[in-house]
């Protein structure tokens, strides 16, 4: 699946979802980009610090947006407590 397809599906899904704000969008687009870099293998493995910089959001905003995106059904998030292994995200097909 091409990143443009995922992005288009995401924009279609959020068009009527008033719960989604610009920070959610920035984070999700960053995750799509990361998935593209990794060849679309799920789960997407990453370090939070890397995503924070690319999405240009704070740690607090990251935690809130990840929780929201999971609760709203956009993704499944598996945070890592080990600094040597990254967190994992499964993007749900929208």
PDB file of N, CA and C in Angstrom:
ATOM      1  N   UNK A   1       0.857  -1.193   0.000  1.00  0.00           N
ATOM      2  CA  UNK A   1       0.000   0.000   0.000  1.00  0.00           C
ATOM      3  C   UNK A   1       0.889   1.238   0.000  1.00  0.00           C
ATOM      4  N   UNK A   2       0.612   2.135  -0.875  1.00  0.00           N
ATOM      5  CA  UNK A   2       1.381   3.360  -0.991  1.00  0.00           C
ATOM      6  C   UNK A   2       0.976   4.355   0.099  1.00  0.00           C
ATOM      7  N   UNK A   3       1.931   5.176   0.488  1.00  0.00           N
ATOM      8  CA  UNK A   3       1.673   6.153   1.547  1.00  0.00           C
ATOM      9  C   UNK A   3       0.550   7.109   1.161  1.00  0.00           C
ATOM     10  N   UNK A   4       0.440   7.437  -0.124  1.00  0.00           N
ATOM     11  CA  UNK A   4      -0.608   8.360  -0.561  1.00  0.00           C
ATOM     12  C   UNK A   4      -1.995   7.749  -0.348  1.00  0.00           C
ATOM     13  N   UNK A   5      -2.104   6.433  -0.513  1.00  0.00           N
ATOM     14  CA  UNK A   5      -3.380   5.761  -0.266  1.00  0.00           C
ATOM     15  C   UNK A   5      -3.740   5.830   1.213  1.00  0.00           C
ATOM     16  N   UNK A   6      -2.754   5.547   2.072  1.00  0.00           N
ATOM     17  CA  UNK A   6      -3.007   5.609   3.521  1.00  0.00           C
ATOM     18  C   UNK A   6      -3.370   7.028   3.931  1.00  0.00           C
ATOM     19  N   UNK A   7      -2.658   7.989   3.387  1.00  0.00           N
ATOM     20  CA  UNK A   7      -2.927   9.384   3.719  1.00  0.00           C
ATOM     21  C   UNK A   7      -4.320   9.795   3.250  1.00  0.00           C
ATOM     22  N   UNK A   8      -4.683   9.402   2.040  1.00  0.00           N
ATOM     23  CA  UNK A   8      -6.020   9.704   1.524  1.00  0.00           C
ATOM     24  C   UNK A   8      -7.108   9.064   2.366  1.00  0.00           C
ATOM     25  N   UNK A   9      -6.901   7.819   2.753  1.00  0.00           N
ATOM     26  CA  UNK A   9      -7.879   7.126   3.602  1.00  0.00           C
ATOM     27  C   UNK A   9      -7.999   7.802   4.963  1.00  0.00           C
ATOM     28  N   UNK A  10      -6.861   8.259   5.497  1.00  0.00           N
ATOM     29  CA  UNK A  10      -6.869   8.957   6.787  1.00  0.00           C
ATOM     30  C   UNK A  10      -7.654  10.262   6.688  1.00  0.00           C
ATOM     31  N   UNK A  11      -7.375  11.050   5.654  1.00  0.00           N
ATOM     32  CA  UNK A  11      -8.101  12.315   5.490  1.00  0.00           C
ATOM     33  C   UNK A  11      -9.591  12.091   5.274  1.00  0.00           C
ATOM     34  N   UNK A  12      -9.929  11.052   4.568  1.00  0.00           N
ATOM     35  CA  UNK A  12     -11.342  10.710   4.375  1.00  0.00           C
ATOM     36  C   UNK A  12     -11.988  10.377   5.721  1.00  0.00           C
ATOM     37  N   UNK A  13     -11.282   9.589   6.538  1.00  0.00           N
ATOM     38  CA  UNK A  13     -11.816   9.166   7.836  1.00  0.00           C
ATOM     39  C   UNK A  13     -11.970  10.335   8.808  1.00  0.00           C
ATOM     40  N   UNK A  14     -11.028  11.286   8.760  1.00  0.00           N
ATOM     41  CA  UNK A  14     -11.095  12.388   9.730  1.00  0.00           C
ATOM     42  C   UNK A  14     -11.965  13.548   9.267  1.00  0.00           C
ATOM     43  N   UNK A  15     -12.408  13.516   8.019  1.00  0.00           N
ATOM     44  CA  UNK A  15     -13.164  14.650   7.493  1.00  0.00           C
ATOM     45  C   UNK A  15     -14.402  14.964   8.319  1.00  0.00           C
ATOM     46  N   UNK A  16     -14.995  13.948   8.906  1.00  0.00           N
ATOM     47  CA  UNK A  16     -16.168  14.186   9.737  1.00  0.00           C
ATOM     48  C   UNK A  16     -15.932  13.939  11.219  1.00  0.00           C
ATOM     49  N   UNK A  17     -14.691  13.727  11.589  1.00  0.00           N
ATOM     50  CA  UNK A  17     -14.350  13.407  12.985  1.00  0.00           C
ATOM     51  C   UNK A  17     -13.834  14.658  13.686  1.00  0.00           C
ATOM     52  N   UNK A  18     -14.722  15.325  14.400  1.00  0.00           N
ATOM     53  CA  UNK A  18     -14.385  16.581  15.072  1.00  0.00           C
ATOM     54  C   UNK A  18     -13.415  16.398  16.243  1.00  0.00           C
ATOM     55  N   UNK A  19     -13.154  15.167  16.651  1.00  0.00           N
ATOM     56  CA  UNK A  19     -12.232  14.899  17.765  1.00  0.00           C
ATOM     57  C   UNK A  19     -10.773  15.049  17.342  1.00  0.00           C
ATOM     58  N   UNK A  20     -10.509  14.984  16.057  1.00  0.00           N
ATOM     59  CA  UNK A  20      -9.144  15.006  15.536  1.00  0.00           C
ATOM     60  C   UNK A  20      -8.691  16.442  15.302  1.00  0.00           C
ATOM     61  N   UNK A  21      -7.545  16.785  15.901  1.00  0.00           N
ATOM     62  CA  UNK A  21      -6.975  18.120  15.741  1.00  0.00           C
ATOM     63  C   UNK A  21      -5.653  18.070  14.993  1.00  0.00           C
ATOM     64  N   UNK A  22      -5.021  19.217  14.874  1.00  0.00           N
ATOM     65  CA  UNK A  22      -3.796  19.311  14.086  1.00  0.00           C
ATOM     66  C   UNK A  22      -2.656  18.465  14.665  1.00  0.00           C
ATOM     67  N   UNK A  23      -2.584  18.310  15.972  1.00  0.00           N
ATOM     68  CA  UNK A  23      -1.531  17.478  16.566  1.00  0.00           C
ATOM     69  C   UNK A  23      -1.739  16.009  16.239  1.00  0.00           C
ATOM     70  N   UNK A  24      -2.985  15.554  16.239  1.00  0.00           N
ATOM     71  CA  UNK A  24      -3.284  14.177  15.838  1.00  0.00           C
ATOM     72  C   UNK A  24      -2.841  13.942  14.392  1.00  0.00           C
ATOM     73  N   UNK A  25      -3.163  14.908  13.533  1.00  0.00           N
ATOM     74  CA  UNK A  25      -2.835  14.802  12.117  1.00  0.00           C
ATOM     75  C   UNK A  25      -1.326  14.766  11.920  1.00  0.00           C
ATOM     76  N   UNK A  26      -0.620  15.648  12.588  1.00  0.00           N
ATOM     77  CA  UNK A  26       0.831  15.689  12.480  1.00  0.00           C
ATOM     78  C   UNK A  26       1.462  14.375  12.923  1.00  0.00           C
ATOM     79  N   UNK A  27       0.987  13.838  14.024  1.00  0.00           N
ATOM     80  CA  UNK A  27       1.513  12.573  14.530  1.00  0.00           C
ATOM     81  C   UNK A  27       1.213  11.428  13.569  1.00  0.00           C
ATOM     82  N   UNK A  28      -0.004  11.348  13.078  1.00  0.00           N
ATOM     83  CA  UNK A  28      -0.380  10.261  12.185  1.00  0.00           C
ATOM     84  C   UNK A  28       0.409  10.324  10.874  1.00  0.00           C
ATOM     85  N   UNK A  29       0.586  11.513  10.329  1.00  0.00           N
ATOM     86  CA  UNK A  29       1.361  11.664   9.102  1.00  0.00           C
ATOM     87  C   UNK A  29       2.814  11.249   9.340  1.00  0.00           C
ATOM     88  N   UNK A  30       3.348  11.575  10.494  1.00  0.00           N
ATOM     89  CA  UNK A  30       4.704  11.144  10.842  1.00  0.00           C
ATOM     90  C   UNK A  30       4.787   9.626  10.877  1.00  0.00           C
ATOM     91  N   UNK A  31       3.774   8.977  11.419  1.00  0.00           N
ATOM     92  CA  UNK A  31       3.761   7.511  11.470  1.00  0.00           C
ATOM     93  C   UNK A  31       3.625   6.902  10.069  1.00  0.00           C
ATOM     94  N   UNK A  32       2.828   7.524   9.209  1.00  0.00           N
ATOM     95  CA  UNK A  32       2.722   7.061   7.827  1.00  0.00           C
ATOM     96  C   UNK A  32       4.078   7.163   7.138  1.00  0.00           C
ATOM     97  N   UNK A  33       4.763   8.263   7.361  1.00  0.00           N
ATOM     98  CA  UNK A  33       6.088   8.440   6.771  1.00  0.00           C
ATOM     99  C   UNK A  33       7.060   7.380   7.277  1.00  0.00           C
ATOM    100  N   UNK A  34       7.013   7.107   8.568  1.00  0.00           N
ATOM    101  CA  UNK A  34       7.879   6.080   9.158  1.00  0.00           C
ATOM    102  C   UNK A  34       7.557   4.710   8.554  1.00  0.00           C
ATOM    103  N   UNK A  35       6.290   4.408   8.389  1.00  0.00           N
ATOM    104  CA  UNK A  35       5.885   3.139   7.777  1.00  0.00           C
ATOM    105  C   UNK A  35       6.421   3.039   6.353  1.00  0.00           C
ATOM    106  N   UNK A  36       6.341   4.121   5.608  1.00  0.00           N
ATOM    107  CA  UNK A  36       6.859   4.155   4.244  1.00  0.00           C
ATOM    108  C   UNK A  36       8.359   3.876   4.233  1.00  0.00           C
ATOM    109  N   UNK A  37       9.100   4.499   5.151  1.00  0.00           N
ATOM    110  CA  UNK A  37      10.544   4.285   5.247  1.00  0.00           C
ATOM    111  C   UNK A  37      10.884   2.825   5.537  1.00  0.00           C
ATOM    112  N   UNK A  38      10.036   2.164   6.293  1.00  0.00           N
ATOM    113  CA  UNK A  38      10.290   0.777   6.700  1.00  0.00           C
ATOM    114  C   UNK A  38       9.692  -0.238   5.726  1.00  0.00           C
ATOM    115  N   UNK A  39       9.162   0.215   4.615  1.00  0.00           N
ATOM    116  CA  UNK A  39       8.618  -0.697   3.620  1.00  0.00           C
ATOM    117  C   UNK A  39       7.254  -1.254   3.965  1.00  0.00           C
ATOM    118  N   UNK A  40       6.503  -0.531   4.755  1.00  0.00           N
ATOM    119  CA  UNK A  40       5.128  -0.887   5.116  1.00  0.00           C
ATOM    120  C   UNK A  40       4.999  -2.185   5.909  1.00  0.00           C
ATOM    121  N   UNK A  41       6.035  -2.535   6.649  1.00  0.00           N
ATOM    122  CA  UNK A  41       5.942  -3.705   7.518  1.00  0.00           C
ATOM    123  C   UNK A  41       5.292  -3.287   8.834  1.00  0.00           C
ATOM    124  N   UNK A  42       4.303  -4.045   9.252  1.00  0.00           N
ATOM    125  CA  UNK A  42       3.646  -3.770  10.533  1.00  0.00           C
ATOM    126  C   UNK A  42       4.130  -4.799  11.536  1.00  0.00           C
ATOM    127  N   UNK A  43       4.414  -4.441  12.750  1.00  0.00           N
ATOM    128  CA  UNK A  43       4.223  -3.107  13.313  1.00  0.00           C
ATOM    129  C   UNK A  43       5.344  -2.150  12.901  1.00  0.00           C
ATOM    130  N   UNK A  44       5.044  -0.878  13.039  1.00  0.00           N
ATOM    131  CA  UNK A  44       6.035   0.166  12.839  1.00  0.00           C
ATOM    132  C   UNK A  44       6.772   0.308  14.166  1.00  0.00           C
ATOM    133  N   UNK A  45       8.066   0.147  14.133  1.00  0.00           N
ATOM    134  CA  UNK A  45       8.872   0.269  15.345  1.00  0.00           C
ATOM    135  C   UNK A  45       9.608   1.605  15.312  1.00  0.00           C
ATOM    136  N   UNK A  46       9.571   2.336  16.416  1.00  0.00           N
ATOM    137  CA  UNK A  46      10.178   3.667  16.451  1.00  0.00           C
ATOM    138  C   UNK A  46      10.483   4.069  17.893  1.00  0.00           C
ATOM    139  N   UNK A  47      11.295   5.100  18.019  1.00  0.00           N
ATOM    140  CA  UNK A  47      11.582   5.696  19.321  1.00  0.00           C
ATOM    141  C   UNK A  47      10.791   7.001  19.428  1.00  0.00           C
ATOM    142  N   UNK A  48      10.167   7.192  20.555  1.00  0.00           N
ATOM    143  CA  UNK A  48       9.300   8.350  20.761  1.00  0.00           C
ATOM    144  C   UNK A  48      10.018   9.662  20.449  1.00  0.00           C
ATOM    145  N   UNK A  49      11.255   9.786  20.895  1.00  0.00           N
ATOM    146  CA  UNK A  49      11.990  11.035  20.700  1.00  0.00           C
ATOM    147  C   UNK A  49      12.085  11.402  19.222  1.00  0.00           C
ATOM    148  N   UNK A  50      12.290  10.396  18.384  1.00  0.00           N
ATOM    149  CA  UNK A  50      12.373  10.619  16.946  1.00  0.00           C
ATOM    150  C   UNK A  50      11.047  11.147  16.396  1.00  0.00           C
ATOM    151  N   UNK A  51       9.961  10.550  16.831  1.00  0.00           N
ATOM    152  CA  UNK A  51       8.632  10.954  16.355  1.00  0.00           C
ATOM    153  C   UNK A  51       8.277  12.346  16.865  1.00  0.00           C
ATOM    154  N   UNK A  52       8.637  12.655  18.090  1.00  0.00           N
ATOM    155  CA  UNK A  52       8.354  13.984  18.641  1.00  0.00           C
ATOM    156  C   UNK A  52       8.955  15.076  17.771  1.00  0.00           C
ATOM    157  N   UNK A  53      10.185  14.879  17.356  1.00  0.00           N
ATOM    158  CA  UNK A  53      10.858  15.880  16.537  1.00  0.00           C
ATOM    159  C   UNK A  53      10.219  16.056  15.171  1.00  0.00           C
ATOM    160  N   UNK A  54       9.878  14.947  14.536  1.00  0.00           N
ATOM    161  CA  UNK A  54       9.292  15.027  13.202  1.00  0.00           C
ATOM    162  C   UNK A  54       7.864  15.577  13.231  1.00  0.00           C
ATOM    163  N   UNK A  55       7.092  15.205  14.240  1.00  0.00           N
ATOM    164  CA  UNK A  55       5.712  15.684  14.343  1.00  0.00           C
ATOM    165  C   UNK A  55       5.638  17.086  14.944  1.00  0.00           C
ATOM    166  N   UNK A  56       6.743  17.514  15.540  1.00  0.00           N
ATOM    167  CA  UNK A  56       6.831  18.827  16.192  1.00  0.00           C
ATOM    168  C   UNK A  56       5.777  18.999  17.275  1.00  0.00           C
ATOM    169  N   UNK A  57       5.730  17.993  18.147  1.00  0.00           N
ATOM    170  CA  UNK A  57       4.811  18.027  19.283  1.00  0.00           C
ATOM    171  C   UNK A  57       5.581  17.704  20.551  1.00  0.00           C
ATOM    172  N   UNK A  58       5.000  18.054  21.684  1.00  0.00           N
ATOM    173  CA  UNK A  58       5.622  17.788  22.978  1.00  0.00           C
ATOM    174  C   UNK A  58       5.338  16.348  23.419  1.00  0.00           C
ATOM    175  N   UNK A  59       6.059  15.916  24.431  1.00  0.00           N
ATOM    176  CA  UNK A  59       5.855  14.572  24.969  1.00  0.00           C
ATOM    177  C   UNK A  59       4.435  14.414  25.509  1.00  0.00           C
ATOM    178  N   UNK A  60       3.946  15.430  26.174  1.00  0.00           N
ATOM    179  CA  UNK A  60       2.587  15.391  26.730  1.00  0.00           C
ATOM    180  C   UNK A  60       1.547  15.272  25.607  1.00  0.00           C
ATOM    181  N   UNK A  61       1.727  16.061  24.552  1.00  0.00           N
ATOM    182  CA  UNK A  61       0.818  16.015  23.418  1.00  0.00           C
ATOM    183  C   UNK A  61       0.898  14.662  22.723  1.00  0.00           C
ATOM    184  N   UNK A  62       2.110  14.127  22.590  1.00  0.00           N
ATOM    185  CA  UNK A  62       2.307  12.804  22.002  1.00  0.00           C
ATOM    186  C   UNK A  62       1.499  11.752  22.755  1.00  0.00           C
ATOM    187  N   UNK A  63       1.628  11.748  24.085  1.00  0.00           N
ATOM    188  CA  UNK A  63       0.911  10.756  24.892  1.00  0.00           C
ATOM    189  C   UNK A  63      -0.593  10.883  24.729  1.00  0.00           C
ATOM    190  N   UNK A  64      -1.090  12.110  24.735  1.00  0.00           N
ATOM    191  CA  UNK A  64      -2.525  12.324  24.580  1.00  0.00           C
ATOM    192  C   UNK A  64      -3.000  11.899  23.190  1.00  0.00           C
ATOM    193  N   UNK A  65      -2.270  12.308  22.166  1.00  0.00           N
ATOM    194  CA  UNK A  65      -2.685  11.997  20.799  1.00  0.00           C
ATOM    195  C   UNK A  65      -2.608  10.506  20.507  1.00  0.00           C
ATOM    196  N   UNK A  66      -1.580   9.830  20.996  1.00  0.00           N
ATOM    197  CA  UNK A  66      -1.483   8.379  20.795  1.00  0.00           C
ATOM    198  C   UNK A  66      -2.666   7.683  21.469  1.00  0.00           C
ATOM    199  N   UNK A  67      -2.980   8.095  22.684  1.00  0.00           N
ATOM    200  CA  UNK A  67      -4.114   7.498  23.398  1.00  0.00           C
ATOM    201  C   UNK A  67      -5.410   7.760  22.638  1.00  0.00           C
ATOM    202  N   UNK A  68      -5.578   8.989  22.155  1.00  0.00           N
ATOM    203  CA  UNK A  68      -6.785   9.332  21.397  1.00  0.00           C
ATOM    204  C   UNK A  68      -6.880   8.519  20.104  1.00  0.00           C
ATOM    205  N   UNK A  69      -5.805   8.493  19.322  1.00  0.00           N
ATOM    206  CA  UNK A  69      -5.826   7.779  18.053  1.00  0.00           C
ATOM    207  C   UNK A  69      -6.121   6.297  18.251  1.00  0.00           C
ATOM    208  N   UNK A  70      -5.631   5.744  19.348  1.00  0.00           N
ATOM    209  CA  UNK A  70      -5.943   4.344  19.645  1.00  0.00           C
ATOM    210  C   UNK A  70      -7.414   4.197  20.048  1.00  0.00           C
ATOM    211  N   UNK A  71      -7.880   5.061  20.925  1.00  0.00           N
ATOM    212  CA  UNK A  71      -9.271   4.998  21.387  1.00  0.00           C
ATOM    213  C   UNK A  71     -10.263   5.221  20.238  1.00  0.00           C
ATOM    214  N   UNK A  72      -9.888   6.055  19.273  1.00  0.00           N
ATOM    215  CA  UNK A  72     -10.765   6.366  18.151  1.00  0.00           C
ATOM    216  C   UNK A  72     -10.673   5.325  17.029  1.00  0.00           C
ATOM    217  N   UNK A  73      -9.783   4.349  17.165  1.00  0.00           N
ATOM    218  CA  UNK A  73      -9.698   3.258  16.203  1.00  0.00           C
ATOM    219  C   UNK A  73      -8.776   3.472  15.015  1.00  0.00           C
ATOM    220  N   UNK A  74      -7.911   4.475  15.078  1.00  0.00           N
ATOM    221  CA  UNK A  74      -7.006   4.745  13.967  1.00  0.00           C
ATOM    222  C   UNK A  74      -5.750   3.868  14.002  1.00  0.00           C
ATOM    223  N   UNK A  75      -5.364   3.432  15.177  1.00  0.00           N
ATOM    224  CA  UNK A  75      -4.158   2.631  15.316  1.00  0.00           C
ATOM    225  C   UNK A  75      -4.180   1.839  16.616  1.00  0.00           C
ATOM    226  N   UNK A  76      -3.235   0.914  16.730  1.00  0.00           N
ATOM    227  CA  UNK A  76      -2.997   0.206  17.985  1.00  0.00           C
ATOM    228  C   UNK A  76      -1.566   0.523  18.406  1.00  0.00           C
ATOM    229  N   UNK A  77      -1.419   0.995  19.634  1.00  0.00           N
ATOM    230  CA  UNK A  77      -0.137   1.476  20.141  1.00  0.00           C
ATOM    231  C   UNK A  77       0.361   0.560  21.240  1.00  0.00           C
ATOM    232  N   UNK A  78       1.623   0.140  21.124  1.00  0.00           N
ATOM    233  CA  UNK A  78       2.280  -0.661  22.145  1.00  0.00           C
ATOM    234  C   UNK A  78       3.531   0.081  22.593  1.00  0.00           C
ATOM    235  N   UNK A  79       3.402   0.890  23.666  1.00  0.00           N
ATOM    236  CA  UNK A  79       4.567   1.651  24.125  1.00  0.00           C
ATOM    237  C   UNK A  79       5.633   0.728  24.705  1.00  0.00           C
ATOM    238  N   UNK A  80       6.870   1.163  24.601  1.00  0.00           N
ATOM    239  CA  UNK A  80       7.983   0.398  25.144  1.00  0.00           C
ATOM    240  C   UNK A  80       8.489   1.055  26.420  1.00  0.00           C
ATOM    241  N   UNK A  81       8.801   0.248  27.387  1.00  0.00           N
ATOM    242  CA  UNK A  81       9.409   0.765  28.616  1.00  0.00           C
ATOM    243  C   UNK A  81      10.908   0.514  28.620  1.00  0.00           C
ATOM    244  N   UNK A  82      11.400  -0.160  27.593  1.00  0.00           N
ATOM    245  CA  UNK A  82      12.819  -0.470  27.462  1.00  0.00           C
ATOM    246  C   UNK A  82      13.441   0.506  26.466  1.00  0.00           C
ATOM    247  N   UNK A  83      14.462   1.220  26.887  1.00  0.00           N
ATOM    248  CA  UNK A  83      15.080   2.226  26.026  1.00  0.00           C
ATOM    249  C   UNK A  83      15.809   1.619  24.825  1.00  0.00           C
ATOM    250  N   UNK A  84      16.044   0.317  24.855  1.00  0.00           N
ATOM    251  CA  UNK A  84      16.757  -0.338  23.754  1.00  0.00           C
ATOM    252  C   UNK A  84      15.817  -0.860  22.666  1.00  0.00           C
ATOM    253  N   UNK A  85      14.549  -0.957  22.987  1.00  0.00           N
ATOM    254  CA  UNK A  85      13.575  -1.384  21.983  1.00  0.00           C
ATOM    255  C   UNK A  85      12.552  -0.275  21.805  1.00  0.00           C
ATOM    256  N   UNK A  86      12.204  -0.016  20.590  1.00  0.00           N
ATOM    257  CA  UNK A  86      11.261   1.055  20.311  1.00  0.00           C
ATOM    258  C   UNK A  86       9.825   0.656  20.582  1.00  0.00           C
ATOM    259  N   UNK A  87       8.981   1.657  20.610  1.00  0.00           N
ATOM    260  CA  UNK A  87       7.538   1.419  20.717  1.00  0.00           C
ATOM    261  C   UNK A  87       7.055   0.872  19.381  1.00  0.00           C
ATOM    262  N   UNK A  88       5.851   0.313  19.391  1.00  0.00           N
ATOM    263  CA  UNK A  88       5.276  -0.269  18.180  1.00  0.00           C
ATOM    264  C   UNK A  88       3.888   0.285  17.940  1.00  0.00           C
ATOM    265  N   UNK A  89       3.598   0.492  16.655  1.00  0.00           N
ATOM    266  CA  UNK A  89       2.278   0.936  16.244  1.00  0.00           C
ATOM    267  C   UNK A  89       1.823   0.089  15.069  1.00  0.00           C
ATOM    268  N   UNK A  90       0.565  -0.314  15.136  1.00  0.00           N
ATOM    269  CA  UNK A  90      -0.099  -0.974  14.018  1.00  0.00           C
ATOM    270  C   UNK A  90      -1.116   0.013  13.489  1.00  0.00           C
ATOM    271  N   UNK A  91      -0.985   0.446  12.234  1.00  0.00           N
ATOM    272  CA  UNK A  91      -1.959   1.348  11.633  1.00  0.00           C
ATOM    273  C   UNK A  91      -3.168   0.527  11.193  1.00  0.00           C
ATOM    274  N   UNK A  92      -4.328   0.928  11.635  1.00  0.00           N
ATOM    275  CA  UNK A  92      -5.560   0.238  11.234  1.00  0.00           C
ATOM    276  C   UNK A  92      -5.954   0.685   9.834  1.00  0.00           C
ATOM    277  N   UNK A  93      -6.444  -0.238   9.063  1.00  0.00           N
ATOM    278  CA  UNK A  93      -6.924   0.092   7.715  1.00  0.00           C
ATOM    279  C   UNK A  93      -8.217   0.877   7.869  1.00  0.00           C
ATOM    280  N   UNK A  94      -8.260   2.059   7.310  1.00  0.00           N
ATOM    281  CA  UNK A  94      -9.422   2.942   7.476  1.00  0.00           C
ATOM    282  C   UNK A  94     -10.325   2.869   6.267  1.00  0.00           C
TER     283      UNK A  94
END
